Amino acid sequence: MGEMRTYIRPMSGWWRRNPFYGRYMVREVSSLFVTIYALILLTGLWRLAQGEAAYDAWRAALASPWSLAFHALTLVFFVYHAYTWFEVMPKTMPFLRIGGSRVSDRGIVAAGATAAVVLSLLLFAWVSWVVR
């Protein structure tokens, strides 16, 4: 009888074979950008506690071209990351019925994303008005 060998599943590029897994990996990478941005904000808070000069230096660093490019890329990842959370909403909540009929998954995702955009714009307008 022949020698028995253990099956070893090839792992290189597994996530590229299926578009679902590709989107999953992009979502996982987006979480790194969310984490890095949170650390940038925490650094700003720490610099604020150190005094006006330290805080002004931190803000000046944020105005560099590299920082602006990073923030633009981070915004794209944030939007994607948030949207994927809205896509999970219909899978995690009980069926929603309005007027006797079930609300579609697409309707739930659209309502969540629309609410987030509208509330973000309202918050932005309010902050812009307060800062004046």
C-alpha atoms as a PDB file:
ATOM      1  CA  MET A   1       0.000   0.000   0.000  1.00  0.00           C
ATOM      2  CA  GLY A   2       1.228   3.536  -0.821  1.00  0.00           C
ATOM      3  CA  GLU A   3       2.333   6.189   1.562  1.00  0.00           C
ATOM      4  CA  MET A   4      -0.448   8.382   2.924  1.00  0.00           C
ATOM      5  CA  ARG A   5       0.105  12.121   2.579  1.00  0.00           C
ATOM      6  CA  THR A   6      -1.728  14.981   4.211  1.00  0.00           C
ATOM      7  CA  TYR A   7      -3.622  17.266   1.853  1.00  0.00           C
ATOM      8  CA  ILE A   8      -2.213  20.784   1.974  1.00  0.00           C
ATOM      9  CA  ARG A   9      -4.570  23.381   0.611  1.00  0.00           C
ATOM     10  CA  PRO A  10      -2.783  26.080  -1.420  1.00  0.00           C
ATOM     11  CA  MET A  11      -3.324  29.452   0.253  1.00  0.00           C
ATOM     12  CA  SER A  12      -1.642  31.885  -2.117  1.00  0.00           C
ATOM     13  CA  GLY A  13      -4.178  34.244  -3.674  1.00  0.00           C
ATOM     14  CA  TRP A  14      -7.270  32.512  -2.255  1.00  0.00           C
ATOM     15  CA  TRP A  15      -9.017  35.838  -1.873  1.00  0.00           C
ATOM     16  CA  ARG A  16      -8.499  36.768  -5.552  1.00  0.00           C
ATOM     17  CA  ARG A  17     -10.442  33.778  -6.865  1.00  0.00           C
ATOM     18  CA  ASN A  18     -13.840  35.011  -5.703  1.00  0.00           C
ATOM     19  CA  PRO A  19     -15.050  38.660  -5.878  1.00  0.00           C
ATOM     20  CA  PHE A  20     -16.764  38.261  -2.496  1.00  0.00           C
ATOM     21  CA  TYR A  21     -13.446  37.461  -0.831  1.00  0.00           C
ATOM     22  CA  GLY A  22     -11.749  40.327  -2.678  1.00  0.00           C
ATOM     23  CA  ARG A  23     -14.288  42.783  -1.236  1.00  0.00           C
ATOM     24  CA  TYR A  24     -13.824  41.146   2.164  1.00  0.00           C
ATOM     25  CA  MET A  25     -10.073  41.732   2.029  1.00  0.00           C
ATOM     26  CA  VAL A  26     -10.539  45.372   0.974  1.00  0.00           C
ATOM     27  CA  ARG A  27     -12.865  45.783   3.961  1.00  0.00           C
ATOM     28  CA  GLU A  28     -10.226  44.306   6.254  1.00  0.00           C
ATOM     29  CA  VAL A  29      -7.593  46.699   4.862  1.00  0.00           C
ATOM     30  CA  SER A  30     -10.018  49.585   5.363  1.00  0.00           C
ATOM     31  CA  SER A  31     -10.128  48.796   9.076  1.00  0.00           C
ATOM     32  CA  LEU A  32      -6.387  49.508   9.237  1.00  0.00           C
ATOM     33  CA  PHE A  33      -7.013  52.994   7.852  1.00  0.00           C
ATOM     34  CA  VAL A  34      -9.791  53.524  10.407  1.00  0.00           C
ATOM     35  CA  THR A  35      -7.360  52.504  13.173  1.00  0.00           C
ATOM     36  CA  ILE A  36      -4.559  54.728  11.887  1.00  0.00           C
ATOM     37  CA  TYR A  37      -6.937  57.686  11.679  1.00  0.00           C
ATOM     38  CA  ALA A  38      -8.118  57.084  15.240  1.00  0.00           C
ATOM     39  CA  LEU A  39      -4.476  57.137  16.352  1.00  0.00           C
ATOM     40  CA  ILE A  40      -3.932  60.411  14.469  1.00  0.00           C
ATOM     41  CA  LEU A  41      -6.884  61.956  16.326  1.00  0.00           C
ATOM     42  CA  LEU A  42      -5.616  60.624  19.652  1.00  0.00           C
ATOM     43  CA  THR A  43      -2.221  62.135  18.871  1.00  0.00           C
ATOM     44  CA  GLY A  44      -3.961  65.460  18.285  1.00  0.00           C
ATOM     45  CA  LEU A  45      -5.634  65.196  21.674  1.00  0.00           C
ATOM     46  CA  TRP A  46      -2.299  64.377  23.295  1.00  0.00           C
ATOM     47  CA  ARG A  47      -0.637  67.324  21.544  1.00  0.00           C
ATOM     48  CA  LEU A  48      -3.476  69.595  22.674  1.00  0.00           C
ATOM     49  CA  ALA A  49      -2.807  68.550  26.262  1.00  0.00           C
ATOM     50  CA  GLN A  50       0.855  69.502  25.764  1.00  0.00           C
ATOM     51  CA  GLY A  51      -0.010  73.076  24.923  1.00  0.00           C
ATOM     52  CA  GLU A  52      -0.738  75.461  22.104  1.00  0.00           C
ATOM     53  CA  ALA A  53       2.661  75.179  20.383  1.00  0.00           C
ATOM     54  CA  ALA A  54       2.518  71.367  20.272  1.00  0.00           C
ATOM     55  CA  TYR A  55      -1.051  71.438  18.969  1.00  0.00           C
ATOM     56  CA  ASP A  56      -0.183  74.010  16.293  1.00  0.00           C
ATOM     57  CA  ALA A  57       2.749  71.829  15.167  1.00  0.00           C
ATOM     58  CA  TRP A  58       0.414  68.812  14.903  1.00  0.00           C
ATOM     59  CA  ARG A  59      -2.058  70.830  12.842  1.00  0.00           C
ATOM     60  CA  ALA A  60       0.755  72.079  10.589  1.00  0.00           C
ATOM     61  CA  ALA A  61       1.793  68.459   9.991  1.00  0.00           C
ATOM     62  CA  LEU A  62      -1.783  67.677   8.951  1.00  0.00           C
ATOM     63  CA  ALA A  63      -1.557  70.359   6.251  1.00  0.00           C
ATOM     64  CA  SER A  64       1.368  68.700   4.437  1.00  0.00           C
ATOM     65  CA  PRO A  65       0.726  67.265   0.960  1.00  0.00           C
ATOM     66  CA  TRP A  66       1.425  63.704   2.190  1.00  0.00           C
ATOM     67  CA  SER A  67      -1.054  64.123   5.006  1.00  0.00           C
ATOM     68  CA  LEU A  68      -3.719  65.531   2.695  1.00  0.00           C
ATOM     69  CA  ALA A  69      -3.224  62.612   0.283  1.00  0.00           C
ATOM     70  CA  PHE A  70      -3.434  60.150   3.183  1.00  0.00           C
ATOM     71  CA  HIS A  71      -6.628  61.806   4.419  1.00  0.00           C
ATOM     72  CA  ALA A  72      -8.197  61.646   0.944  1.00  0.00           C
ATOM     73  CA  LEU A  73      -7.357  57.929   0.692  1.00  0.00           C
ATOM     74  CA  THR A  74      -8.618  57.382   4.219  1.00  0.00           C
ATOM     75  CA  LEU A  75     -11.913  59.077   3.347  1.00  0.00           C
ATOM     76  CA  VAL A  76     -12.404  56.618   0.478  1.00  0.00           C
ATOM     77  CA  PHE A  77     -11.704  53.689   2.806  1.00  0.00           C
ATOM     78  CA  PHE A  78     -13.997  55.147   5.494  1.00  0.00           C
ATOM     79  CA  VAL A  79     -16.883  55.448   3.043  1.00  0.00           C
ATOM     80  CA  TYR A  80     -16.348  51.869   1.848  1.00  0.00           C
ATOM     81  CA  HIS A  81     -16.003  50.590   5.422  1.00  0.00           C
ATOM     82  CA  ALA A  82     -19.198  52.346   6.506  1.00  0.00           C
ATOM     83  CA  TYR A  83     -21.118  51.144   3.460  1.00  0.00           C
ATOM     84  CA  THR A  84     -20.165  47.529   4.131  1.00  0.00           C
ATOM     85  CA  TRP A  85     -21.604  47.903   7.630  1.00  0.00           C
ATOM     86  CA  PHE A  86     -24.860  49.110   6.115  1.00  0.00           C
ATOM     87  CA  GLU A  87     -24.838  46.038   3.855  1.00  0.00           C
ATOM     88  CA  VAL A  88     -24.718  43.848   6.979  1.00  0.00           C
ATOM     89  CA  MET A  89     -27.757  45.551   8.564  1.00  0.00           C
ATOM     90  CA  PRO A  90     -30.467  43.476   6.815  1.00  0.00           C
ATOM     91  CA  LYS A  91     -28.636  40.266   7.724  1.00  0.00           C
ATOM     92  CA  THR A  92     -28.460  41.061  11.422  1.00  0.00           C
ATOM     93  CA  MET A  93     -31.830  42.626  12.160  1.00  0.00           C
ATOM     94  CA  PRO A  94     -35.274  41.044  12.293  1.00  0.00           C
ATOM     95  CA  PHE A  95     -37.483  41.361   9.232  1.00  0.00           C
ATOM     96  CA  LEU A  96     -38.885  44.871   8.985  1.00  0.00           C
ATOM     97  CA  ARG A  97     -42.488  45.203   7.848  1.00  0.00           C
ATOM     98  CA  ILE A  98     -44.136  48.451   6.814  1.00  0.00           C
ATOM     99  CA  GLY A  99     -47.759  48.432   5.728  1.00  0.00           C
ATOM    100  CA  GLY A 100     -47.892  44.645   5.881  1.00  0.00           C
ATOM    101  CA  SER A 101     -45.067  44.054   3.419  1.00  0.00           C
ATOM    102  CA  ARG A 102     -41.445  43.269   4.142  1.00  0.00           C
ATOM    103  CA  VAL A 103     -38.913  46.011   3.496  1.00  0.00           C
ATOM    104  CA  SER A 104     -36.298  44.804   1.021  1.00  0.00           C
ATOM    105  CA  ASP A 105     -32.659  44.400   2.000  1.00  0.00           C
ATOM    106  CA  ARG A 106     -31.785  47.042  -0.569  1.00  0.00           C
ATOM    107  CA  GLY A 107     -34.265  49.462   1.017  1.00  0.00           C
ATOM    108  CA  ILE A 108     -32.729  48.953   4.453  1.00  0.00           C
ATOM    109  CA  VAL A 109     -29.194  49.542   3.131  1.00  0.00           C
ATOM    110  CA  ALA A 110     -30.333  52.639   1.207  1.00  0.00           C
ATOM    111  CA  ALA A 111     -32.171  54.035   4.250  1.00  0.00           C
ATOM    112  CA  GLY A 112     -29.145  53.527   6.513  1.00  0.00           C
ATOM    113  CA  ALA A 113     -26.703  55.039   4.042  1.00  0.00           C
ATOM    114  CA  THR A 114     -29.020  57.980   3.321  1.00  0.00           C
ATOM    115  CA  ALA A 115     -29.502  58.650   7.032  1.00  0.00           C
ATOM    116  CA  ALA A 116     -25.729  58.616   7.543  1.00  0.00           C
ATOM    117  CA  VAL A 117     -25.122  61.050   4.673  1.00  0.00           C
ATOM    118  CA  VAL A 118     -27.915  63.429   5.748  1.00  0.00           C
ATOM    119  CA  LEU A 119     -26.814  63.422   9.397  1.00  0.00           C
ATOM    120  CA  SER A 120     -23.171  63.927   8.390  1.00  0.00           C
ATOM    121  CA  LEU A 121     -24.113  66.930   6.259  1.00  0.00           C
ATOM    122  CA  LEU A 122     -26.215  68.375   9.071  1.00  0.00           C
ATOM    123  CA  LEU A 123     -23.357  67.898  11.529  1.00  0.00           C
ATOM    124  CA  PHE A 124     -20.914  69.496   9.091  1.00  0.00           C
ATOM    125  CA  ALA A 125     -23.245  72.472   8.592  1.00  0.00           C
ATOM    126  CA  TRP A 126     -23.729  72.869  12.341  1.00  0.00           C
ATOM    127  CA  VAL A 127     -19.979  72.722  13.060  1.00  0.00           C
ATOM    128  CA  SER A 128     -19.303  75.213  10.252  1.00  0.00           C
ATOM    129  CA  TRP A 129     -21.905  77.546  11.735  1.00  0.00           C
ATOM    130  CA  VAL A 130     -20.555  77.203  15.308  1.00  0.00           C
ATOM    131  CA  VAL A 131     -16.917  77.754  14.286  1.00  0.00           C
ATOM    132  CA  ARG A 132     -17.704  81.064  12.606  1.00  0.00           C
END
